């Protein structure tokens, strides 16, 4: 799981941060582990939605 402070930091970086989050989720899921992205800011969830990043939770 990507913890909230790291999810928020990634969301503040725009496209570059979105790619980091996407890469994290893909690497975790590739090992058969459910991947999650947390955030304290609504922009983190919005970024995942807008960029079609699909964590398991």
C-alpha atoms as a PDB file:
ATOM      1  CA  UNK A   1       0.000   0.000   0.000  1.00  0.00           C
ATOM      2  CA  UNK A   2       1.220   3.445  -0.903  1.00  0.00           C
ATOM      3  CA  UNK A   3       0.785   5.432   2.314  1.00  0.00           C
ATOM      4  CA  UNK A   4      -1.056   8.758   2.358  1.00  0.00           C
ATOM      5  CA  UNK A   5       1.903  11.112   2.569  1.00  0.00           C
ATOM      6  CA  UNK A   6       3.537   9.460  -0.466  1.00  0.00           C
ATOM      7  CA  UNK A   7       0.280   9.350  -2.422  1.00  0.00           C
ATOM      8  CA  UNK A   8      -0.242  13.054  -1.748  1.00  0.00           C
ATOM      9  CA  UNK A   9       3.335  13.893  -2.716  1.00  0.00           C
ATOM     10  CA  UNK A  10       2.887  12.044  -5.993  1.00  0.00           C
ATOM     11  CA  UNK A  11      -0.371  13.820  -6.741  1.00  0.00           C
ATOM     12  CA  UNK A  12       1.336  17.199  -6.282  1.00  0.00           C
ATOM     13  CA  UNK A  13       3.871  16.252  -8.981  1.00  0.00           C
ATOM     14  CA  UNK A  14       1.239  15.999 -11.711  1.00  0.00           C
ATOM     15  CA  UNK A  15       1.983  13.658 -14.616  1.00  0.00           C
ATOM     16  CA  UNK A  16       5.400  12.620 -13.264  1.00  0.00           C
ATOM     17  CA  UNK A  17       3.854  11.709  -9.930  1.00  0.00           C
ATOM     18  CA  UNK A  18       1.018   9.854 -11.627  1.00  0.00           C
ATOM     19  CA  UNK A  19       3.540   7.667 -13.441  1.00  0.00           C
ATOM     20  CA  UNK A  20       5.303   6.888 -10.149  1.00  0.00           C
ATOM     21  CA  UNK A  21       1.997   5.894  -8.567  1.00  0.00           C
ATOM     22  CA  UNK A  22       1.036   3.839 -11.638  1.00  0.00           C
ATOM     23  CA  UNK A  23       4.408   2.051 -11.582  1.00  0.00           C
ATOM     24  CA  UNK A  24       4.051   1.258  -7.879  1.00  0.00           C
ATOM     25  CA  UNK A  25       0.564  -0.184  -8.346  1.00  0.00           C
ATOM     26  CA  UNK A  26       1.641  -2.248 -11.373  1.00  0.00           C
ATOM     27  CA  UNK A  27       4.699  -3.691  -9.603  1.00  0.00           C
ATOM     28  CA  UNK A  28       2.703  -4.716  -6.533  1.00  0.00           C
ATOM     29  CA  UNK A  29      -0.085  -6.247  -8.617  1.00  0.00           C
ATOM     30  CA  UNK A  30       2.457  -8.109 -10.777  1.00  0.00           C
ATOM     31  CA  UNK A  31       3.385 -10.083  -7.654  1.00  0.00           C
ATOM     32  CA  UNK A  32      -0.241 -11.046  -7.061  1.00  0.00           C
ATOM     33  CA  UNK A  33      -0.636  -8.676  -4.124  1.00  0.00           C
ATOM     34  CA  UNK A  34      -3.578  -6.260  -3.884  1.00  0.00           C
ATOM     35  CA  UNK A  35      -2.296  -2.697  -4.292  1.00  0.00           C
ATOM     36  CA  UNK A  36      -3.727   0.338  -2.553  1.00  0.00           C
ATOM     37  CA  UNK A  37      -3.164   4.075  -2.813  1.00  0.00           C
ATOM     38  CA  UNK A  38      -3.943   6.269   0.183  1.00  0.00           C
ATOM     39  CA  UNK A  39      -4.106  10.031   0.459  1.00  0.00           C
ATOM     40  CA  UNK A  40      -5.017  12.759   2.891  1.00  0.00           C
ATOM     41  CA  UNK A  41      -5.915  15.108   0.028  1.00  0.00           C
ATOM     42  CA  UNK A  42      -8.803  14.565  -2.393  1.00  0.00           C
ATOM     43  CA  UNK A  43      -6.474  15.344  -5.300  1.00  0.00           C
ATOM     44  CA  UNK A  44      -4.794  11.955  -4.807  1.00  0.00           C
ATOM     45  CA  UNK A  45      -8.003  10.027  -5.499  1.00  0.00           C
ATOM     46  CA  UNK A  46      -8.911  12.390  -8.341  1.00  0.00           C
ATOM     47  CA  UNK A  47      -5.505  11.901  -9.970  1.00  0.00           C
ATOM     48  CA  UNK A  48      -5.928   8.125  -9.883  1.00  0.00           C
ATOM     49  CA  UNK A  49      -9.357   8.455 -11.486  1.00  0.00           C
ATOM     50  CA  UNK A  50      -8.234  10.956 -14.141  1.00  0.00           C
ATOM     51  CA  UNK A  51      -5.123   8.971 -15.088  1.00  0.00           C
ATOM     52  CA  UNK A  52      -6.903   5.580 -15.022  1.00  0.00           C
ATOM     53  CA  UNK A  53      -4.684   4.238 -12.259  1.00  0.00           C
ATOM     54  CA  UNK A  54      -6.517   1.195 -10.922  1.00  0.00           C
ATOM     55  CA  UNK A  55      -5.437   0.170  -7.437  1.00  0.00           C
ATOM     56  CA  UNK A  56      -7.377  -2.627  -5.759  1.00  0.00           C
ATOM     57  CA  UNK A  57      -8.320  -0.357  -2.871  1.00  0.00           C
END
